[in-house]
N, C-alpha and C. Protein backbone atom coordinates (compact mmCIF):
# COMPACT_ATOMS: atom_id res chain seq x y z
N UNK A 1 170.97 54.62 211.82
CA UNK A 1 171.93 53.63 211.34
C UNK A 1 173.30 53.85 212.00
N UNK A 2 173.68 55.10 212.14
CA UNK A 2 174.98 55.40 212.73
C UNK A 2 175.10 54.79 214.14
N UNK A 3 174.05 54.94 214.95
CA UNK A 3 174.07 54.38 216.30
C UNK A 3 174.13 52.85 216.28
N UNK A 4 173.42 52.25 215.34
CA UNK A 4 173.47 50.78 215.22
C UNK A 4 174.88 50.33 214.87
N UNK A 5 175.53 51.05 213.98
CA UNK A 5 176.91 50.71 213.60
C UNK A 5 177.83 50.86 214.81
N UNK A 6 177.65 51.94 215.57
CA UNK A 6 178.48 52.14 216.76
C UNK A 6 178.23 51.04 217.80
N UNK A 7 176.97 50.64 217.96
CA UNK A 7 176.66 49.54 218.88
C UNK A 7 177.36 48.25 218.44
N UNK A 8 177.30 47.96 217.14
CA UNK A 8 177.94 46.75 216.62
C UNK A 8 179.45 46.83 216.76
N UNK A 9 180.01 48.00 216.51
CA UNK A 9 181.46 48.18 216.66
C UNK A 9 181.87 47.95 218.10
N UNK A 10 181.08 48.47 219.03
CA UNK A 10 181.36 48.26 220.45
C UNK A 10 181.34 46.77 220.80
N UNK A 11 180.37 46.06 220.30
CA UNK A 11 180.28 44.61 220.56
C UNK A 11 181.50 43.89 219.99
N UNK A 12 181.92 44.27 218.80
CA UNK A 12 183.09 43.64 218.19
C UNK A 12 184.37 43.99 218.97
N UNK A 13 184.47 45.23 219.42
CA UNK A 13 185.63 45.63 220.22
C UNK A 13 185.69 44.82 221.51
N UNK A 14 184.56 44.59 222.10
CA UNK A 14 184.50 43.80 223.34
C UNK A 14 185.00 42.38 223.08
N UNK A 15 184.58 41.80 221.95
CA UNK A 15 184.94 40.41 221.63
C UNK A 15 186.38 40.26 221.16
N UNK A 16 186.81 41.17 220.29
CA UNK A 16 188.08 40.96 219.59
C UNK A 16 189.17 41.97 219.91
N UNK A 17 188.82 43.08 220.55
CA UNK A 17 189.80 44.13 220.81
C UNK A 17 189.97 45.01 219.58
N UNK A 18 190.57 46.18 219.76
CA UNK A 18 190.67 47.14 218.66
C UNK A 18 191.56 46.68 217.50
N UNK A 19 192.61 45.97 217.78
CA UNK A 19 193.53 45.56 216.71
C UNK A 19 192.89 44.54 215.77
N UNK A 20 192.04 43.68 216.31
CA UNK A 20 191.47 42.61 215.50
C UNK A 20 190.06 42.91 214.99
N UNK A 21 189.49 44.03 215.40
CA UNK A 21 188.16 44.40 214.92
C UNK A 21 188.29 45.12 213.59
N UNK A 22 187.57 44.63 212.60
CA UNK A 22 187.60 45.25 211.27
C UNK A 22 186.24 45.82 210.92
N UNK A 23 186.23 46.69 209.93
CA UNK A 23 184.97 47.24 209.42
C UNK A 23 184.11 46.11 208.87
N UNK A 24 184.74 45.13 208.25
CA UNK A 24 183.99 43.98 207.73
C UNK A 24 183.32 43.20 208.85
N UNK A 25 183.99 43.05 210.00
CA UNK A 25 183.38 42.38 211.15
C UNK A 25 182.13 43.12 211.61
N UNK A 26 182.23 44.43 211.67
CA UNK A 26 181.10 45.25 212.11
C UNK A 26 179.95 45.11 211.12
N UNK A 27 180.27 45.20 209.83
CA UNK A 27 179.24 45.08 208.79
C UNK A 27 178.58 43.70 208.85
N UNK A 28 179.38 42.67 209.00
CA UNK A 28 178.85 41.30 209.06
C UNK A 28 177.90 41.14 210.25
N UNK A 29 178.25 41.73 211.38
CA UNK A 29 177.40 41.65 212.57
C UNK A 29 176.05 42.32 212.33
N UNK A 30 176.03 43.28 211.43
CA UNK A 30 174.78 43.99 211.12
C UNK A 30 174.06 43.41 209.90
N UNK A 31 174.69 42.42 209.26
CA UNK A 31 174.09 41.83 208.07
C UNK A 31 174.09 42.77 206.87
N UNK A 32 175.15 43.55 206.75
CA UNK A 32 175.26 44.48 205.62
C UNK A 32 176.66 44.40 205.03
N UNK A 33 176.86 45.07 203.94
CA UNK A 33 178.19 45.10 203.34
C UNK A 33 179.04 46.16 204.03
N UNK A 34 180.36 45.99 203.94
CA UNK A 34 181.24 46.97 204.57
C UNK A 34 181.11 48.34 203.89
N UNK A 35 180.64 48.37 202.65
CA UNK A 35 180.43 49.65 201.96
C UNK A 35 179.38 50.49 202.69
N UNK A 36 178.38 49.83 203.27
CA UNK A 36 177.36 50.56 204.03
C UNK A 36 177.97 51.23 205.26
N UNK A 37 178.90 50.55 205.90
CA UNK A 37 179.56 51.14 207.07
C UNK A 37 180.39 52.34 206.61
N UNK A 38 181.08 52.18 205.48
CA UNK A 38 181.92 53.27 204.96
C UNK A 38 181.10 54.48 204.53
N UNK A 39 179.82 54.35 204.32
CA UNK A 39 178.97 55.51 204.02
C UNK A 39 178.86 56.42 205.24
N UNK A 40 178.99 55.83 206.42
CA UNK A 40 178.86 56.59 207.66
C UNK A 40 180.21 56.92 208.30
N UNK A 41 181.21 56.10 208.04
CA UNK A 41 182.54 56.29 208.62
C UNK A 41 183.57 56.04 207.52
N UNK A 42 184.44 56.99 207.31
CA UNK A 42 185.36 56.91 206.16
C UNK A 42 186.46 55.86 206.32
N UNK A 43 186.69 55.41 207.55
CA UNK A 43 187.76 54.43 207.77
C UNK A 43 187.53 53.71 209.10
N UNK A 44 188.33 52.68 209.32
CA UNK A 44 188.29 51.97 210.60
C UNK A 44 188.66 52.95 211.72
N UNK A 45 189.65 53.79 211.47
CA UNK A 45 190.06 54.77 212.48
C UNK A 45 188.92 55.73 212.81
N UNK A 46 188.20 56.18 211.80
CA UNK A 46 187.07 57.10 212.03
C UNK A 46 185.97 56.40 212.84
N UNK A 47 185.73 55.13 212.55
CA UNK A 47 184.74 54.37 213.30
C UNK A 47 185.18 54.23 214.75
N UNK A 48 186.43 53.87 214.97
CA UNK A 48 186.93 53.72 216.33
C UNK A 48 186.95 55.05 217.07
N UNK A 49 187.27 56.14 216.36
CA UNK A 49 187.21 57.46 216.98
C UNK A 49 185.79 57.78 217.45
N UNK A 50 184.81 57.45 216.62
CA UNK A 50 183.41 57.72 216.97
C UNK A 50 182.99 56.89 218.18
N UNK A 51 183.46 55.64 218.25
CA UNK A 51 183.16 54.80 219.41
C UNK A 51 183.78 55.41 220.66
N UNK A 52 185.04 55.85 220.55
CA UNK A 52 185.72 56.46 221.70
C UNK A 52 185.03 57.75 222.12
N UNK A 53 184.63 58.55 221.14
CA UNK A 53 183.96 59.81 221.45
C UNK A 53 182.64 59.56 222.18
N UNK A 54 181.88 58.60 221.72
CA UNK A 54 180.61 58.28 222.37
C UNK A 54 180.87 57.78 223.80
N UNK A 55 181.88 56.95 223.97
CA UNK A 55 182.21 56.41 225.28
C UNK A 55 182.63 57.52 226.24
N UNK A 56 183.48 58.43 225.77
CA UNK A 56 183.95 59.52 226.63
C UNK A 56 182.82 60.51 226.93
N UNK A 57 181.91 60.67 226.00
CA UNK A 57 180.75 61.55 226.24
C UNK A 57 179.87 61.01 227.36
N UNK A 58 179.80 59.70 227.47
CA UNK A 58 179.02 59.10 228.56
C UNK A 58 179.64 59.40 229.92
N UNK A 59 180.92 59.74 229.91
CA UNK A 59 181.59 60.15 231.14
C UNK A 59 181.37 61.64 231.38
N UNK A 60 181.60 62.47 230.37
CA UNK A 60 181.60 63.93 230.57
C UNK A 60 180.23 64.58 230.53
N UNK A 61 179.30 64.07 229.74
CA UNK A 61 177.99 64.72 229.64
C UNK A 61 177.25 64.85 230.98
N UNK A 62 177.21 63.79 231.79
CA UNK A 62 176.50 63.93 233.08
C UNK A 62 177.15 64.96 234.02
N UNK A 63 178.43 65.25 233.79
CA UNK A 63 179.12 66.21 234.66
C UNK A 63 178.64 67.64 234.43
N UNK A 64 178.00 67.90 233.29
CA UNK A 64 177.45 69.23 233.03
C UNK A 64 176.43 69.64 234.09
N UNK A 65 175.80 68.67 234.73
CA UNK A 65 174.83 68.98 235.78
C UNK A 65 175.48 69.77 236.92
N UNK A 66 176.76 69.51 237.19
CA UNK A 66 177.46 70.24 238.25
C UNK A 66 177.77 71.67 237.83
N UNK A 67 177.90 71.90 236.53
CA UNK A 67 178.17 73.23 236.01
C UNK A 67 176.92 74.10 236.13
N UNK A 68 175.77 73.55 235.82
CA UNK A 68 174.53 74.32 235.79
C UNK A 68 173.80 74.35 237.13
N UNK A 69 174.18 73.49 238.02
CA UNK A 69 173.51 73.40 239.33
C UNK A 69 173.75 74.68 240.13
N UNK A 70 172.78 75.04 240.92
CA UNK A 70 172.91 76.18 241.84
C UNK A 70 173.60 75.70 243.10
N UNK A 71 174.19 76.64 243.81
CA UNK A 71 174.81 76.30 245.08
C UNK A 71 176.28 76.67 245.10
N UNK A 72 176.90 76.39 246.21
CA UNK A 72 178.30 76.75 246.43
C UNK A 72 179.20 76.07 245.40
N UNK A 73 180.11 76.85 244.85
CA UNK A 73 181.03 76.33 243.84
C UNK A 73 181.92 75.23 244.42
N UNK A 74 182.34 75.39 245.66
CA UNK A 74 183.22 74.38 246.28
C UNK A 74 182.51 73.03 246.35
N UNK A 75 181.26 73.04 246.75
CA UNK A 75 180.50 71.79 246.84
C UNK A 75 180.28 71.20 245.45
N UNK A 76 179.98 72.04 244.47
CA UNK A 76 179.77 71.58 243.10
C UNK A 76 181.07 71.00 242.52
N UNK A 77 182.19 71.67 242.79
CA UNK A 77 183.48 71.19 242.28
C UNK A 77 183.84 69.84 242.90
N UNK A 78 183.65 69.71 244.18
CA UNK A 78 183.94 68.42 244.84
C UNK A 78 183.02 67.33 244.27
N UNK A 79 181.76 67.65 244.09
CA UNK A 79 180.83 66.68 243.50
C UNK A 79 181.23 66.30 242.09
N UNK A 80 181.70 67.27 241.33
CA UNK A 80 182.15 67.02 239.95
C UNK A 80 183.31 66.03 239.96
N UNK A 81 184.31 66.27 240.81
CA UNK A 81 185.48 65.38 240.88
C UNK A 81 185.05 63.98 241.33
N UNK A 82 184.19 63.91 242.33
CA UNK A 82 183.72 62.61 242.80
C UNK A 82 182.94 61.86 241.72
N UNK A 83 182.09 62.58 240.99
CA UNK A 83 181.31 61.94 239.92
C UNK A 83 182.22 61.47 238.79
N UNK A 84 183.21 62.26 238.43
CA UNK A 84 184.15 61.84 237.38
C UNK A 84 184.91 60.60 237.83
N UNK A 85 185.41 60.62 239.04
CA UNK A 85 186.17 59.47 239.56
C UNK A 85 185.29 58.22 239.59
N UNK A 86 184.05 58.38 240.03
CA UNK A 86 183.14 57.23 240.10
C UNK A 86 182.82 56.69 238.71
N UNK A 87 182.61 57.58 237.75
CA UNK A 87 182.32 57.13 236.38
C UNK A 87 183.49 56.33 235.82
N UNK A 88 184.70 56.80 236.03
CA UNK A 88 185.87 56.09 235.52
C UNK A 88 186.06 54.76 236.25
N UNK A 89 185.89 54.75 237.56
CA UNK A 89 186.04 53.50 238.33
C UNK A 89 184.99 52.48 237.92
N UNK A 90 183.76 52.95 237.71
CA UNK A 90 182.69 52.05 237.31
C UNK A 90 183.03 51.38 235.98
N UNK A 91 183.56 52.15 235.05
CA UNK A 91 183.92 51.58 233.75
C UNK A 91 185.02 50.53 233.90
N UNK A 92 185.97 50.78 234.78
CA UNK A 92 187.06 49.81 234.99
C UNK A 92 186.55 48.55 235.68
N UNK A 93 185.75 48.71 236.72
CA UNK A 93 185.34 47.57 237.53
C UNK A 93 184.23 46.74 236.90
N UNK A 94 183.29 47.39 236.21
CA UNK A 94 182.15 46.65 235.67
C UNK A 94 182.50 45.81 234.45
N UNK A 95 183.42 46.28 233.65
CA UNK A 95 183.76 45.56 232.43
C UNK A 95 185.21 45.85 232.06
N UNK A 96 186.17 45.22 232.78
CA UNK A 96 187.58 45.53 232.56
C UNK A 96 188.05 45.26 231.12
N UNK A 97 187.48 44.23 230.46
CA UNK A 97 187.90 43.94 229.08
C UNK A 97 187.47 45.06 228.14
N UNK A 98 186.23 45.51 228.30
CA UNK A 98 185.75 46.59 227.45
C UNK A 98 186.51 47.88 227.77
N UNK A 99 186.80 48.12 229.05
CA UNK A 99 187.57 49.29 229.42
C UNK A 99 188.93 49.25 228.73
N UNK A 100 189.59 48.11 228.74
CA UNK A 100 190.89 47.98 228.09
C UNK A 100 190.78 48.27 226.59
N UNK A 101 189.73 47.75 225.96
CA UNK A 101 189.54 48.00 224.52
C UNK A 101 189.28 49.48 224.26
N UNK A 102 188.41 50.09 225.04
CA UNK A 102 188.12 51.51 224.86
C UNK A 102 189.34 52.36 225.14
N UNK A 103 190.07 51.98 226.17
CA UNK A 103 191.27 52.75 226.50
C UNK A 103 192.27 52.70 225.34
N UNK A 104 192.44 51.55 224.75
CA UNK A 104 193.34 51.43 223.59
C UNK A 104 192.83 52.28 222.43
N UNK A 105 191.53 52.23 222.18
CA UNK A 105 190.95 53.03 221.10
C UNK A 105 191.12 54.52 221.40
N UNK A 106 190.85 54.91 222.65
CA UNK A 106 190.95 56.32 223.03
C UNK A 106 192.39 56.82 222.93
N UNK A 107 193.35 55.98 223.29
CA UNK A 107 194.75 56.40 223.19
C UNK A 107 195.14 56.66 221.73
N UNK A 108 194.57 55.92 220.82
CA UNK A 108 194.85 56.12 219.40
C UNK A 108 194.09 57.32 218.85
N UNK A 109 193.02 57.70 219.49
CA UNK A 109 192.17 58.80 219.02
C UNK A 109 192.57 60.09 219.74
N UNK A 110 193.75 60.57 219.46
CA UNK A 110 194.30 61.74 220.16
C UNK A 110 193.36 62.95 220.12
N UNK A 111 192.78 63.22 218.97
CA UNK A 111 191.89 64.38 218.85
C UNK A 111 190.64 64.20 219.70
N UNK A 112 190.13 62.98 219.76
CA UNK A 112 188.94 62.69 220.57
C UNK A 112 189.28 62.90 222.04
N UNK A 113 190.42 62.40 222.47
CA UNK A 113 190.83 62.56 223.86
C UNK A 113 191.06 64.04 224.17
N UNK A 114 191.68 64.76 223.25
CA UNK A 114 191.89 66.20 223.45
C UNK A 114 190.55 66.91 223.60
N UNK A 115 189.57 66.52 222.82
CA UNK A 115 188.23 67.10 222.94
C UNK A 115 187.60 66.79 224.29
N UNK A 116 187.77 65.56 224.74
CA UNK A 116 187.24 65.15 226.05
C UNK A 116 187.90 65.98 227.15
N UNK A 117 189.21 66.11 227.10
CA UNK A 117 189.92 66.89 228.12
C UNK A 117 189.50 68.36 228.06
N UNK A 118 189.27 68.88 226.86
CA UNK A 118 188.80 70.26 226.73
C UNK A 118 187.43 70.44 227.36
N UNK A 119 186.57 69.43 227.22
CA UNK A 119 185.25 69.48 227.84
C UNK A 119 185.38 69.50 229.36
N UNK A 120 186.22 68.62 229.90
CA UNK A 120 186.43 68.59 231.35
C UNK A 120 186.98 69.93 231.84
N UNK A 121 187.94 70.47 231.11
CA UNK A 121 188.53 71.76 231.48
C UNK A 121 187.48 72.87 231.44
N UNK A 122 186.65 72.86 230.42
CA UNK A 122 185.58 73.87 230.30
C UNK A 122 184.63 73.78 231.49
N UNK A 123 184.28 72.57 231.88
CA UNK A 123 183.35 72.38 232.99
C UNK A 123 183.94 72.91 234.31
N UNK A 124 185.17 72.54 234.59
CA UNK A 124 185.80 72.98 235.84
C UNK A 124 186.01 74.49 235.82
N UNK A 125 186.42 75.03 234.68
CA UNK A 125 186.61 76.48 234.56
C UNK A 125 185.31 77.21 234.86
N UNK A 126 184.20 76.71 234.36
CA UNK A 126 182.90 77.36 234.60
C UNK A 126 182.53 77.33 236.08
N UNK A 127 182.77 76.23 236.74
CA UNK A 127 182.46 76.14 238.18
C UNK A 127 183.33 77.12 238.96
N UNK A 128 184.62 77.17 238.63
CA UNK A 128 185.53 78.09 239.32
C UNK A 128 185.14 79.54 239.04
N UNK A 129 184.79 79.85 237.80
CA UNK A 129 184.37 81.21 237.45
C UNK A 129 183.14 81.61 238.27
N UNK A 130 182.21 80.68 238.48
CA UNK A 130 181.04 80.96 239.32
C UNK A 130 181.50 81.28 240.75
N UNK A 131 182.46 80.51 241.24
CA UNK A 131 182.98 80.74 242.59
C UNK A 131 183.67 82.09 242.72
N UNK A 132 184.36 82.51 241.66
CA UNK A 132 184.99 83.83 241.67
C UNK A 132 183.91 84.91 241.67
N UNK A 133 182.93 84.76 240.80
CA UNK A 133 181.85 85.74 240.69
C UNK A 133 181.11 85.90 242.02
N UNK A 134 180.91 84.79 242.72
CA UNK A 134 180.17 84.82 243.98
C UNK A 134 181.05 85.17 245.19
N UNK A 135 182.34 85.42 244.96
CA UNK A 135 183.25 85.77 246.04
C UNK A 135 183.73 84.60 246.87
N UNK A 136 183.45 83.39 246.41
CA UNK A 136 183.85 82.19 247.14
C UNK A 136 185.32 81.84 246.88
N UNK A 137 185.77 82.04 245.64
CA UNK A 137 187.16 81.78 245.27
C UNK A 137 187.84 83.10 244.92
N UNK A 138 189.15 83.16 245.14
CA UNK A 138 189.89 84.38 244.91
C UNK A 138 190.97 84.23 243.84
N UNK A 139 190.86 83.27 242.99
CA UNK A 139 191.88 83.06 241.96
C UNK A 139 191.72 84.11 240.85
N UNK A 140 192.83 84.40 240.17
CA UNK A 140 192.82 85.40 239.11
C UNK A 140 192.43 84.82 237.75
N UNK A 141 192.85 83.59 237.49
CA UNK A 141 192.65 82.99 236.18
C UNK A 141 191.91 81.66 236.34
N UNK A 142 190.60 81.63 236.06
CA UNK A 142 189.85 80.39 236.28
C UNK A 142 190.33 79.22 235.42
N UNK A 143 190.80 79.49 234.20
CA UNK A 143 191.28 78.40 233.34
C UNK A 143 192.56 77.79 233.91
N UNK A 144 193.46 78.64 234.39
CA UNK A 144 194.70 78.13 235.00
C UNK A 144 194.37 77.34 236.27
N UNK A 145 193.44 77.85 237.05
CA UNK A 145 193.04 77.14 238.26
C UNK A 145 192.39 75.81 237.91
N UNK A 146 191.60 75.77 236.84
CA UNK A 146 190.96 74.52 236.41
C UNK A 146 192.01 73.50 236.00
N UNK A 147 193.04 73.94 235.28
CA UNK A 147 194.11 73.01 234.90
C UNK A 147 194.80 72.46 236.15
N UNK A 148 194.97 73.31 237.16
CA UNK A 148 195.59 72.87 238.41
C UNK A 148 194.69 71.85 239.13
N UNK A 149 193.39 72.08 239.11
CA UNK A 149 192.45 71.13 239.74
C UNK A 149 192.54 69.78 239.04
N UNK A 150 192.53 69.78 237.72
CA UNK A 150 192.62 68.52 236.98
C UNK A 150 193.94 67.82 237.26
N UNK A 151 195.02 68.57 237.35
CA UNK A 151 196.32 67.97 237.66
C UNK A 151 196.34 67.41 239.07
N UNK A 152 195.77 68.13 240.02
CA UNK A 152 195.77 67.69 241.41
C UNK A 152 194.93 66.43 241.62
N UNK A 153 193.93 66.24 240.77
CA UNK A 153 193.02 65.11 240.94
C UNK A 153 193.24 64.01 239.91
N UNK A 154 194.30 64.09 239.14
CA UNK A 154 194.52 63.15 238.03
C UNK A 154 194.52 61.69 238.48
N UNK A 155 194.98 61.44 239.67
CA UNK A 155 195.01 60.05 240.18
C UNK A 155 193.62 59.42 240.18
N UNK A 156 192.60 60.23 240.27
CA UNK A 156 191.24 59.71 240.39
C UNK A 156 190.51 59.58 239.06
N UNK A 157 191.10 60.12 237.97
CA UNK A 157 190.39 60.06 236.69
C UNK A 157 191.24 59.67 235.49
N UNK A 158 192.54 59.64 235.61
CA UNK A 158 193.37 59.19 234.47
C UNK A 158 193.24 57.68 234.33
N UNK A 159 192.97 57.18 233.13
CA UNK A 159 192.72 55.73 232.96
C UNK A 159 193.79 54.82 233.54
N UNK A 160 195.06 55.16 233.36
CA UNK A 160 196.12 54.29 233.90
C UNK A 160 196.05 54.22 235.43
N UNK A 161 195.84 55.37 236.03
CA UNK A 161 195.81 55.42 237.49
C UNK A 161 194.53 54.82 238.06
N UNK A 162 193.44 55.00 237.37
CA UNK A 162 192.18 54.39 237.80
C UNK A 162 192.31 52.87 237.77
N UNK A 163 192.88 52.36 236.70
CA UNK A 163 193.05 50.91 236.59
C UNK A 163 193.99 50.40 237.68
N UNK A 164 195.05 51.15 237.98
CA UNK A 164 196.01 50.72 239.00
C UNK A 164 195.39 50.70 240.39
N UNK A 165 194.41 51.58 240.62
CA UNK A 165 193.79 51.63 241.95
C UNK A 165 192.38 51.05 241.96
N UNK A 166 192.06 50.22 240.99
CA UNK A 166 190.69 49.71 240.82
C UNK A 166 190.15 49.01 242.06
N UNK A 167 190.97 48.31 242.79
CA UNK A 167 190.48 47.57 243.94
C UNK A 167 190.56 48.34 245.24
N UNK A 168 191.05 49.56 245.18
CA UNK A 168 191.27 50.35 246.40
C UNK A 168 190.11 51.31 246.63
N UNK A 169 189.91 51.65 247.88
CA UNK A 169 188.91 52.65 248.25
C UNK A 169 189.58 54.02 248.16
N UNK A 170 189.03 54.92 247.38
CA UNK A 170 189.67 56.22 247.17
C UNK A 170 188.82 57.39 247.65
N UNK A 171 187.64 57.13 248.14
CA UNK A 171 186.72 58.21 248.54
C UNK A 171 187.36 59.16 249.55
N UNK A 172 188.00 58.61 250.58
CA UNK A 172 188.64 59.45 251.61
C UNK A 172 189.77 60.27 251.00
N UNK A 173 190.51 59.68 250.07
CA UNK A 173 191.59 60.41 249.40
C UNK A 173 191.05 61.55 248.56
N UNK A 174 189.95 61.32 247.86
CA UNK A 174 189.33 62.38 247.06
C UNK A 174 188.93 63.54 247.97
N UNK A 175 188.30 63.23 249.08
CA UNK A 175 187.86 64.28 250.02
C UNK A 175 189.05 65.07 250.55
N UNK A 176 190.14 64.38 250.88
CA UNK A 176 191.32 65.07 251.41
C UNK A 176 191.96 65.97 250.36
N UNK A 177 192.11 65.46 249.15
CA UNK A 177 192.69 66.27 248.07
C UNK A 177 191.80 67.47 247.78
N UNK A 178 190.50 67.26 247.76
CA UNK A 178 189.58 68.36 247.46
C UNK A 178 189.58 69.43 248.56
N UNK A 179 189.80 69.04 249.81
CA UNK A 179 189.92 70.04 250.87
C UNK A 179 191.11 70.96 250.60
N UNK A 180 192.23 70.35 250.20
CA UNK A 180 193.42 71.14 249.87
C UNK A 180 193.17 72.04 248.67
N UNK A 181 192.57 71.48 247.62
CA UNK A 181 192.32 72.23 246.39
C UNK A 181 191.40 73.41 246.67
N UNK A 182 190.32 73.15 247.36
CA UNK A 182 189.34 74.21 247.64
C UNK A 182 189.93 75.27 248.55
N UNK A 183 190.74 74.86 249.53
CA UNK A 183 191.40 75.85 250.39
C UNK A 183 192.29 76.76 249.55
N UNK A 184 192.99 76.18 248.59
CA UNK A 184 193.84 76.99 247.71
C UNK A 184 193.03 77.93 246.84
N UNK A 185 191.90 77.48 246.34
CA UNK A 185 191.04 78.35 245.52
C UNK A 185 190.47 79.49 246.35
N UNK A 186 190.16 79.22 247.61
CA UNK A 186 189.56 80.25 248.47
C UNK A 186 190.55 81.34 248.84
N UNK A 187 191.83 81.01 248.94
CA UNK A 187 192.82 82.04 249.28
C UNK A 187 193.50 82.62 248.05
N UNK A 188 193.27 82.03 246.90
CA UNK A 188 193.80 82.58 245.65
C UNK A 188 195.25 82.29 245.37
N UNK A 189 195.68 81.08 245.64
CA UNK A 189 197.09 80.74 245.41
C UNK A 189 197.43 80.58 243.92
N UNK A 190 196.44 80.45 243.07
CA UNK A 190 196.69 80.30 241.62
C UNK A 190 196.30 81.57 240.92
């Protein structure tokens, strides 16, 4: 039932946007009373947080494959950044209205966004730690290096910047930035 409610909430967000979507709208779309929705979500904000969390998980969950994959950490890290950038671009280009609605919901769901960013940081930290362990990277603090990687690549994954560059080709830019980032990790500048 929870997934059905989230699906209906997503459909309502697409049609009406976050400000005009109500719990009653979601319940009506499912042919149930709003009390049934409140059994699963304590408020409209909790429902929208759950929608945002599910949406962000669809971005971050596939990136775990780069963490667990065997091979050079530099190649895995570059692949991770490229996959994250592609996932965000795809969301912007394929359904800009839904992206705008989700982005508004996610901006209001500070804890959900913080959790998403923590997941991304954990993933990058793990890849860098593997590179340190294998002698590929020479950084002292993998978490600090991961924060630097996310900062250096923010143009490719921050929603505002992704939307601003939606029509532009960024693949060459990602490769250039990643060459710099990886060179820094290999010499241990962080």
